[in-house]
Amino acid sequence: MKVSDNTTKRIFLASWVSINQAEASNAHVTQLHGSAAKTYYDILQPLRQRVDGIQVRDRQLAHRLCKVIPSQCPFERDVKLFGKTVFHIPPMCKLNPLYEEVVSLRFRALCYLADECGEDVSQYC
């Protein structure tokens, strides 16, 4: 049985987006997560949009952003005892609900410094 991309997307989104019965039957979805439609509201969406809307057009701002936002998660650690790894603390930065937006802002600042200002950004990596 060949499944189209559209059907796969509908099945994947079935738990996140409410779909009506006609679309569900067209997508051959046999089971929905209850008859009540689930509504999802992201309370951090305005903050995400605000961070994404920051335009990096100033050299000093770009330098500050590159210095303040770390390139790697500072919390990831290997705890060693007598040279052997006892346990590993995973990177907790991805638990931050604004992680993608902040990393994107740092990337835009690095791109501004490299492309517009012609600076060497290898010191920030």
Foldseek 3Di string as FASTA:
>chain_A
DDQDPVLVVCVVCLVPFPDDPVVCVVSVPPDGPDPDTDHDDDPCVVVLVVLLPDQPDDLVVLVVLLVVDAPDQPPWDFDDDPRHGPDTDDRCLVVPPNSVSSNVSNVNSLCCCCPVVVDDCPVSD
